[in-house]
PDB file of all heavy atoms in Angstrom:
ATOM      1  N   ASP A   1     101.788  87.985 106.065  1.00  0.00           N
ATOM      2  CA  ASP A   1     100.401  87.933 105.612  1.00  0.00           C
ATOM      3  C   ASP A   1     100.415  87.832 104.082  1.00  0.00           C
ATOM      4  O   ASP A   1     100.573  88.837 103.387  1.00  0.00           O
ATOM      5  CB  ASP A   1      99.663  89.184 106.086  1.00  0.00           C
ATOM      6  CG  ASP A   1      98.179  89.166 105.746  1.00  0.00           C
ATOM      7  OD1 ASP A   1      97.755  88.359 104.889  1.00  0.00           O
ATOM      8  OD2 ASP A   1      97.447  89.982 106.327  1.00  0.00           O
ATOM      9  N   LEU A   2     100.275  86.614 103.564  1.00  0.00           N
ATOM     10  CA  LEU A   2     100.357  86.399 102.123  1.00  0.00           C
ATOM     11  C   LEU A   2      99.214  87.083 101.378  1.00  0.00           C
ATOM     12  O   LEU A   2      99.405  87.579 100.272  1.00  0.00           O
ATOM     13  CB  LEU A   2     100.385  84.910 101.801  1.00  0.00           C
ATOM     14  CG  LEU A   2     101.646  84.160 102.211  1.00  0.00           C
ATOM     15  CD1 LEU A   2     101.499  82.665 101.932  1.00  0.00           C
ATOM     16  CD2 LEU A   2     102.865  84.720 101.504  1.00  0.00           C
ATOM     17  N   TYR A   3      98.040  87.112 101.977  1.00  0.00           N
ATOM     18  CA  TYR A   3      96.916  87.785 101.321  1.00  0.00           C
ATOM     19  C   TYR A   3      97.218  89.269 101.139  1.00  0.00           C
ATOM     20  O   TYR A   3      97.036  89.822 100.059  1.00  0.00           O
ATOM     21  CB  TYR A   3      95.621  87.599 102.124  1.00  0.00           C
ATOM     22  CG  TYR A   3      94.500  88.452 101.581  1.00  0.00           C
ATOM     23  CD1 TYR A   3      93.842  88.089 100.406  1.00  0.00           C
ATOM     24  CD2 TYR A   3      94.120  89.632 102.215  1.00  0.00           C
ATOM     25  CE1 TYR A   3      92.836  88.880  99.881  1.00  0.00           C
ATOM     26  CE2 TYR A   3      93.114  90.430 101.691  1.00  0.00           C
ATOM     27  CZ  TYR A   3      92.475  90.046 100.527  1.00  0.00           C
ATOM     28  OH  TYR A   3      91.478  90.829 100.009  1.00  0.00           O
ATOM     29  N   MET A   4      97.706  89.897 102.192  1.00  0.00           N
ATOM     30  CA  MET A   4      98.007  91.332 102.112  1.00  0.00           C
ATOM     31  C   MET A   4      99.168  91.576 101.147  1.00  0.00           C
ATOM     32  O   MET A   4      99.139  92.552 100.386  1.00  0.00           O
ATOM     33  CB  MET A   4      98.334  91.886 103.497  1.00  0.00           C
ATOM     34  CG  MET A   4      98.529  93.387 103.505  1.00  0.00           C
ATOM     35  SD  MET A   4      97.117  94.324 102.876  1.00  0.00           S
ATOM     36  CE  MET A   4      95.974  94.155 104.215  1.00  0.00           C
ATOM     37  N   LEU A   5     100.169  90.699 101.155  1.00  0.00           N
ATOM     38  CA  LEU A   5     101.281  90.829 100.215  1.00  0.00           C
ATOM     39  C   LEU A   5     100.770  90.769  98.780  1.00  0.00           C
ATOM     40  O   LEU A   5     101.113  91.611  97.949  1.00  0.00           O
ATOM     41  CB  LEU A   5     102.317  89.735 100.467  1.00  0.00           C
ATOM     42  CG  LEU A   5     103.504  89.677  99.502  1.00  0.00           C
ATOM     43  CD1 LEU A   5     104.303  90.976  99.529  1.00  0.00           C
ATOM     44  CD2 LEU A   5     104.396  88.485  99.838  1.00  0.00           C
ATOM     45  N   TYR A   6      99.918  89.789  98.482  1.00  0.00           N
ATOM     46  CA  TYR A   6      99.350  89.649  97.142  1.00  0.00           C
ATOM     47  C   TYR A   6      98.540  90.890  96.759  1.00  0.00           C
ATOM     48  O   TYR A   6      98.684  91.422  95.654  1.00  0.00           O
ATOM     49  CB  TYR A   6      98.465  88.396  97.083  1.00  0.00           C
ATOM     50  CG  TYR A   6      97.765  88.220  95.757  1.00  0.00           C
ATOM     51  CD1 TYR A   6      98.443  87.709  94.661  1.00  0.00           C
ATOM     52  CD2 TYR A   6      96.428  88.563  95.598  1.00  0.00           C
ATOM     53  CE1 TYR A   6      97.810  87.540  93.438  1.00  0.00           C
ATOM     54  CE2 TYR A   6      95.788  88.404  94.381  1.00  0.00           C
ATOM     55  CZ  TYR A   6      96.480  87.891  93.313  1.00  0.00           C
ATOM     56  OH  TYR A   6      95.853  87.731  92.097  1.00  0.00           O
ATOM     57  N   LYS A   7      97.717  91.343  97.669  1.00  0.00           N
ATOM     58  CA  LYS A   7      96.873  92.509  97.405  1.00  0.00           C
ATOM     59  C   LYS A   7      97.726  93.748  97.118  1.00  0.00           C
ATOM     60  O   LYS A   7      97.482  94.470  96.149  1.00  0.00           O
ATOM     61  CB  LYS A   7      95.959  92.746  98.611  1.00  0.00           C
ATOM     62  CG  LYS A   7      94.954  93.826  98.420  1.00  0.00           C
ATOM     63  CD  LYS A   7      94.025  93.909  99.617  1.00  0.00           C
ATOM     64  CE  LYS A   7      93.115  95.108  99.456  1.00  0.00           C
ATOM     65  NZ  LYS A   7      92.286  95.333 100.611  1.00  0.00           N
ATOM     66  N   LEU A   8      98.736  94.001  97.939  1.00  0.00           N
ATOM     67  CA  LEU A   8      99.603  95.168  97.750  1.00  0.00           C
ATOM     68  C   LEU A   8     100.365  95.097  96.432  1.00  0.00           C
ATOM     69  O   LEU A   8     100.468  96.087  95.703  1.00  0.00           O
ATOM     70  CB  LEU A   8     100.580  95.297  98.918  1.00  0.00           C
ATOM     71  CG  LEU A   8      99.979  95.706 100.266  1.00  0.00           C
ATOM     72  CD1 LEU A   8     100.993  95.478 101.382  1.00  0.00           C
ATOM     73  CD2 LEU A   8      99.523  97.147 100.234  1.00  0.00           C
ATOM     74  N   VAL A   9     100.909  93.919  96.120  1.00  0.00           N
ATOM     75  CA  VAL A   9     101.710  93.770  94.900  1.00  0.00           C
ATOM     76  C   VAL A   9     100.836  93.927  93.655  1.00  0.00           C
ATOM     77  O   VAL A   9     101.201  94.639  92.725  1.00  0.00           O
ATOM     78  CB  VAL A   9     102.474  92.422  94.896  1.00  0.00           C
ATOM     79  CG1 VAL A   9     103.088  92.140  93.547  1.00  0.00           C
ATOM     80  CG2 VAL A   9     103.551  92.426  95.977  1.00  0.00           C
ATOM     81  N   THR A  10      99.675  93.294  93.643  1.00  0.00           N
ATOM     82  CA  THR A  10      98.822  93.382  92.450  1.00  0.00           C
ATOM     83  C   THR A  10      98.223  94.777  92.289  1.00  0.00           C
ATOM     84  O   THR A  10      98.009  95.218  91.162  1.00  0.00           O
ATOM     85  CB  THR A  10      97.709  92.321  92.469  1.00  0.00           C
ATOM     86  OG1 THR A  10      96.950  92.429  93.673  1.00  0.00           O
ATOM     87  CG2 THR A  10      98.292  90.925  92.328  1.00  0.00           C
ATOM     88  N   GLU A  11      97.983  95.494  93.382  1.00  0.00           N
ATOM     89  CA  GLU A  11      97.496  96.876  93.284  1.00  0.00           C
ATOM     90  C   GLU A  11      98.535  97.788  92.632  1.00  0.00           C
ATOM     91  O   GLU A  11      98.193  98.781  92.012  1.00  0.00           O
ATOM     92  CB  GLU A  11      97.136  97.422  94.670  1.00  0.00           C
ATOM     93  CG  GLU A  11      95.835  96.890  95.211  1.00  0.00           C
ATOM     94  CD  GLU A  11      95.566  97.342  96.642  1.00  0.00           C
ATOM     95  OE1 GLU A  11      96.426  98.003  97.267  1.00  0.00           O
ATOM     96  OE2 GLU A  11      94.481  97.010  97.150  1.00  0.00           O
ATOM     97  N   LYS A  12      99.808  97.451  92.797  1.00  0.00           N
ATOM     98  CA  LYS A  12     100.893  98.258  92.228  1.00  0.00           C
ATOM     99  C   LYS A  12     101.283  97.790  90.829  1.00  0.00           C
ATOM    100  O   LYS A  12     102.243  98.279  90.258  1.00  0.00           O
ATOM    101  CB  LYS A  12     102.136  98.206  93.130  1.00  0.00           C
ATOM    102  CG  LYS A  12     101.910  98.668  94.538  1.00  0.00           C
ATOM    103  CD  LYS A  12     101.955 100.164  94.621  1.00  0.00           C
ATOM    104  CE  LYS A  12     101.839 100.586  96.084  1.00  0.00           C
ATOM    105  NZ  LYS A  12     101.462 101.961  96.214  1.00  0.00           N
ATOM    106  N   GLY A  13     100.578  96.797  90.281  1.00  0.00           N
ATOM    107  CA  GLY A  13     100.847  96.362  88.919  1.00  0.00           C
ATOM    108  C   GLY A  13     101.474  94.996  88.785  1.00  0.00           C
ATOM    109  O   GLY A  13     101.795  94.577  87.689  1.00  0.00           O
ATOM    110  N   GLY A  14     101.696  94.307  89.883  1.00  0.00           N
ATOM    111  CA  GLY A  14     102.247  92.961  89.838  1.00  0.00           C
ATOM    112  C   GLY A  14     103.722  92.917  90.194  1.00  0.00           C
ATOM    113  O   GLY A  14     104.395  93.941  90.328  1.00  0.00           O
ATOM    114  N   LEU A  15     104.223  91.720  90.329  1.00  0.00           N
ATOM    115  CA  LEU A  15     105.592  91.500  90.786  1.00  0.00           C
ATOM    116  C   LEU A  15     106.624  92.137  89.870  1.00  0.00           C
ATOM    117  O   LEU A  15     107.572  92.768  90.337  1.00  0.00           O
ATOM    118  CB  LEU A  15     105.862  90.002  90.933  1.00  0.00           C
ATOM    119  CG  LEU A  15     107.247  89.620  91.439  1.00  0.00           C
ATOM    120  CD1 LEU A  15     107.510  90.213  92.822  1.00  0.00           C
ATOM    121  CD2 LEU A  15     107.403  88.111  91.476  1.00  0.00           C
ATOM    122  N   VAL A  16     106.444  92.010  88.559  1.00  0.00           N
ATOM    123  CA  VAL A  16     107.424  92.560  87.624  1.00  0.00           C
ATOM    124  C   VAL A  16     107.496  94.082  87.762  1.00  0.00           C
ATOM    125  O   VAL A  16     108.583  94.670  87.756  1.00  0.00           O
ATOM    126  CB  VAL A  16     107.093  92.136  86.173  1.00  0.00           C
ATOM    127  CG1 VAL A  16     107.947  92.877  85.168  1.00  0.00           C
ATOM    128  CG2 VAL A  16     107.282  90.625  86.023  1.00  0.00           C
ATOM    129  N   GLU A  17     106.357  94.728  87.928  1.00  0.00           N
ATOM    130  CA  GLU A  17     106.339  96.188  88.110  1.00  0.00           C
ATOM    131  C   GLU A  17     107.040  96.599  89.402  1.00  0.00           C
ATOM    132  O   GLU A  17     107.766  97.587  89.434  1.00  0.00           O
ATOM    133  CB  GLU A  17     104.901  96.724  88.103  1.00  0.00           C
ATOM    134  CG  GLU A  17     104.288  96.773  86.735  1.00  0.00           C
ATOM    135  CD  GLU A  17     105.019  97.736  85.807  1.00  0.00           C
ATOM    136  OE1 GLU A  17     105.191  98.911  86.171  1.00  0.00           O
ATOM    137  OE2 GLU A  17     105.419  97.293  84.717  1.00  0.00           O
ATOM    138  N   ILE A  18     106.805  95.850  90.469  1.00  0.00           N
ATOM    139  CA  ILE A  18     107.439  96.148  91.755  1.00  0.00           C
ATOM    140  C   ILE A  18     108.958  96.049  91.616  1.00  0.00           C
ATOM    141  O   ILE A  18     109.699  96.900  92.102  1.00  0.00           O
ATOM    142  CB  ILE A  18     106.946  95.183  92.860  1.00  0.00           C
ATOM    143  CG1 ILE A  18     105.441  95.275  93.044  1.00  0.00           C
ATOM    144  CG2 ILE A  18     107.681  95.413  94.169  1.00  0.00           C
ATOM    145  CD1 ILE A  18     104.931  96.583  93.567  1.00  0.00           C
ATOM    146  N   ILE A  19     109.421  95.006  90.934  1.00  0.00           N
ATOM    147  CA  ILE A  19     110.858  94.822  90.747  1.00  0.00           C
ATOM    148  C   ILE A  19     111.430  95.933  89.876  1.00  0.00           C
ATOM    149  O   ILE A  19     112.452  96.535  90.208  1.00  0.00           O
ATOM    150  CB  ILE A  19     111.158  93.432  90.143  1.00  0.00           C
ATOM    151  CG1 ILE A  19     110.801  92.336  91.143  1.00  0.00           C
ATOM    152  CG2 ILE A  19     112.628  93.320  89.733  1.00  0.00           C
ATOM    153  CD1 ILE A  19     110.817  90.930  90.569  1.00  0.00           C
ATOM    154  N   ASN A  20     110.780  96.209  88.745  1.00  0.00           N
ATOM    155  CA  ASN A  20     111.288  97.218  87.813  1.00  0.00           C
ATOM    156  C   ASN A  20     111.294  98.625  88.416  1.00  0.00           C
ATOM    157  O   ASN A  20     112.232  99.388  88.215  1.00  0.00           O
ATOM    158  CB  ASN A  20     110.487  97.216  86.516  1.00  0.00           C
ATOM    159  CG  ASN A  20     110.797  96.017  85.650  1.00  0.00           C
ATOM    160  OD1 ASN A  20     111.870  95.423  85.742  1.00  0.00           O
ATOM    161  ND2 ASN A  20     109.857  95.638  84.810  1.00  0.00           N
ATOM    162  N   LYS A  21     110.243  98.959  89.164  1.00  0.00           N
ATOM    163  CA  LYS A  21     110.138 100.303  89.754  1.00  0.00           C
ATOM    164  C   LYS A  21     110.860 100.411  91.095  1.00  0.00           C
ATOM    165  O   LYS A  21     110.982 101.504  91.643  1.00  0.00           O
ATOM    166  CB  LYS A  21     108.671 100.687  89.925  1.00  0.00           C
ATOM    167  CG  LYS A  21     107.934 100.885  88.612  1.00  0.00           C
ATOM    168  CD  LYS A  21     106.495 101.265  88.858  1.00  0.00           C
ATOM    169  CE  LYS A  21     105.734 101.477  87.562  1.00  0.00           C
ATOM    170  NZ  LYS A  21     104.310 101.759  87.819  1.00  0.00           N
ATOM    171  N   LYS A  22     111.289  99.255  91.619  1.00  0.00           N
ATOM    172  CA  LYS A  22     112.002  99.207  92.903  1.00  0.00           C
ATOM    173  C   LYS A  22     111.212  99.904  94.004  1.00  0.00           C
ATOM    174  O   LYS A  22     111.702 100.799  94.697  1.00  0.00           O
ATOM    175  CB  LYS A  22     113.399  99.817  92.772  1.00  0.00           C
ATOM    176  CG  LYS A  22     114.258  99.079  91.764  1.00  0.00           C
ATOM    177  CD  LYS A  22     115.630  99.676  91.638  1.00  0.00           C
ATOM    178  CE  LYS A  22     116.403  98.921  90.579  1.00  0.00           C
ATOM    179  NZ  LYS A  22     117.746  99.406  90.402  1.00  0.00           N
ATOM    180  N   ILE A  23     109.975  99.460  94.192  1.00  0.00           N
ATOM    181  CA  ILE A  23     109.104 100.074  95.195  1.00  0.00           C
ATOM    182  C   ILE A  23     108.755  99.086  96.317  1.00  0.00           C
ATOM    183  O   ILE A  23     107.655  99.093  96.860  1.00  0.00           O
ATOM    184  CB  ILE A  23     107.817 100.651  94.551  1.00  0.00           C
ATOM    185  CG1 ILE A  23     107.116  99.626  93.667  1.00  0.00           C
ATOM    186  CG2 ILE A  23     108.132 101.910  93.768  1.00  0.00           C
ATOM    187  CD1 ILE A  23     105.789 100.122  93.091  1.00  0.00           C
ATOM    188  N   TRP A  24     109.729  98.269  96.674  1.00  0.00           N
ATOM    189  CA  TRP A  24     109.509  97.321  97.769  1.00  0.00           C
ATOM    190  C   TRP A  24     109.267  98.032  99.093  1.00  0.00           C
ATOM    191  O   TRP A  24     108.572  97.502  99.956  1.00  0.00           O
ATOM    192  CB  TRP A  24     110.689  96.361  97.882  1.00  0.00           C
ATOM    193  CG  TRP A  24     110.675  95.314  96.811  1.00  0.00           C
ATOM    194  CD1 TRP A  24     111.512  95.224  95.749  1.00  0.00           C
ATOM    195  CD2 TRP A  24     109.762  94.227  96.689  1.00  0.00           C
ATOM    196  NE1 TRP A  24     111.179  94.145  94.980  1.00  0.00           N
ATOM    197  CE2 TRP A  24     110.104  93.506  95.525  1.00  0.00           C
ATOM    198  CE3 TRP A  24     108.672  93.781  97.442  1.00  0.00           C
ATOM    199  CZ2 TRP A  24     109.407  92.375  95.110  1.00  0.00           C
ATOM    200  CZ3 TRP A  24     107.987  92.661  97.027  1.00  0.00           C
ATOM    201  CH2 TRP A  24     108.353  91.967  95.874  1.00  0.00           C
ATOM    202  N   ARG A  25     109.828  99.224  99.262  1.00  0.00           N
ATOM    203  CA  ARG A  25     109.627  99.953 100.513  1.00  0.00           C
ATOM    204  C   ARG A  25     108.145 100.238 100.743  1.00  0.00           C
ATOM    205  O   ARG A  25     107.659 100.168 101.870  1.00  0.00           O
ATOM    206  CB  ARG A  25     110.437 101.251 100.517  1.00  0.00           C
ATOM    207  CG  ARG A  25     110.432 101.939 101.874  1.00  0.00           C
ATOM    208  CD  ARG A  25     111.479 103.015 101.953  1.00  0.00           C
ATOM    209  NE  ARG A  25     112.822 102.469 101.863  1.00  0.00           N
ATOM    210  CZ  ARG A  25     113.582 102.176 102.917  1.00  0.00           C
ATOM    211  NH1 ARG A  25     113.137 102.395 104.115  1.00  0.00           N
ATOM    212  NH2 ARG A  25     114.784 101.691 102.758  1.00  0.00           N
ATOM    213  N   GLU A  26     107.412 100.531  99.676  1.00  0.00           N
ATOM    214  CA  GLU A  26     105.972 100.751  99.805  1.00  0.00           C
ATOM    215  C   GLU A  26     105.260  99.474 100.250  1.00  0.00           C
ATOM    216  O   GLU A  26     104.317  99.522 101.041  1.00  0.00           O
ATOM    217  CB  GLU A  26     105.384 101.229  98.475  1.00  0.00           C
ATOM    218  CG  GLU A  26     105.857 102.602  98.056  1.00  0.00           C
ATOM    219  CD  GLU A  26     105.286 103.039  96.723  1.00  0.00           C
ATOM    220  OE1 GLU A  26     104.163 102.603  96.376  1.00  0.00           O
ATOM    221  OE2 GLU A  26     105.964 103.822  96.040  1.00  0.00           O
ATOM    222  N   ILE A  27     105.728  98.350  99.756  1.00  0.00           N
ATOM    223  CA  ILE A  27     105.136  97.065 100.146  1.00  0.00           C
ATOM    224  C   ILE A  27     105.446  96.770 101.614  1.00  0.00           C
ATOM    225  O   ILE A  27     104.566  96.353 102.359  1.00  0.00           O
ATOM    226  CB  ILE A  27     105.650  95.916  99.240  1.00  0.00           C
ATOM    227  CG1 ILE A  27     105.397  96.214  97.764  1.00  0.00           C
ATOM    228  CG2 ILE A  27     105.044  94.592  99.641  1.00  0.00           C
ATOM    229  CD1 ILE A  27     103.954  96.411  97.366  1.00  0.00           C
ATOM    230  N   THR A  28     106.698  97.005 102.029  1.00  0.00           N
ATOM    231  CA  THR A  28     107.048  96.752 103.436  1.00  0.00           C
ATOM    232  C   THR A  28     106.252  97.665 104.364  1.00  0.00           C
ATOM    233  O   THR A  28     105.840  97.236 105.439  1.00  0.00           O
ATOM    234  CB  THR A  28     108.562  96.916 103.691  1.00  0.00           C
ATOM    235  OG1 THR A  28     108.972  98.216 103.314  1.00  0.00           O
ATOM    236  CG2 THR A  28     109.367  95.889 102.938  1.00  0.00           C
ATOM    237  N   LYS A  29     106.035  98.913 103.946  1.00  0.00           N
ATOM    238  CA  LYS A  29     105.210  99.824 104.759  1.00  0.00           C
ATOM    239  C   LYS A  29     103.775  99.317 104.842  1.00  0.00           C
ATOM    240  O   LYS A  29     103.147  99.352 105.903  1.00  0.00           O
ATOM    241  CB  LYS A  29     105.232 101.233 104.179  1.00  0.00           C
ATOM    242  CG  LYS A  29     106.506 101.982 104.441  1.00  0.00           C
ATOM    243  CD  LYS A  29     106.452 103.377 103.845  1.00  0.00           C
ATOM    244  CE  LYS A  29     107.786 104.084 103.993  1.00  0.00           C
ATOM    245  NZ  LYS A  29     107.787 105.388 103.324  1.00  0.00           N
ATOM    246  N   GLY A  30     103.247  98.846 103.712  1.00  0.00           N
ATOM    247  CA  GLY A  30     101.883  98.321 103.685  1.00  0.00           C
ATOM    248  C   GLY A  30     101.708  97.094 104.561  1.00  0.00           C
ATOM    249  O   GLY A  30     100.623  96.842 105.072  1.00  0.00           O
ATOM    250  N   LEU A  31     102.780  96.342 104.737  1.00  0.00           N
ATOM    251  CA  LEU A  31     102.753  95.149 105.588  1.00  0.00           C
ATOM    252  C   LEU A  31     103.128  95.465 107.034  1.00  0.00           C
ATOM    253  O   LEU A  31     103.209  94.559 107.863  1.00  0.00           O
ATOM    254  CB  LEU A  31     103.700  94.086 105.035  1.00  0.00           C
ATOM    255  CG  LEU A  31     103.304  93.466 103.699  1.00  0.00           C
ATOM    256  CD1 LEU A  31     104.444  92.629 103.133  1.00  0.00           C
ATOM    257  CD2 LEU A  31     102.053  92.612 103.848  1.00  0.00           C
TER     258      LEU A  31
END
């Protein structure tokens, strides 16, 4: 679900923040 992926990533501060903070697990849970 690209819409949900975009929404989750931008709510957490964007792609760079997700990579830097290593919080992909939160994104996978959200999806």
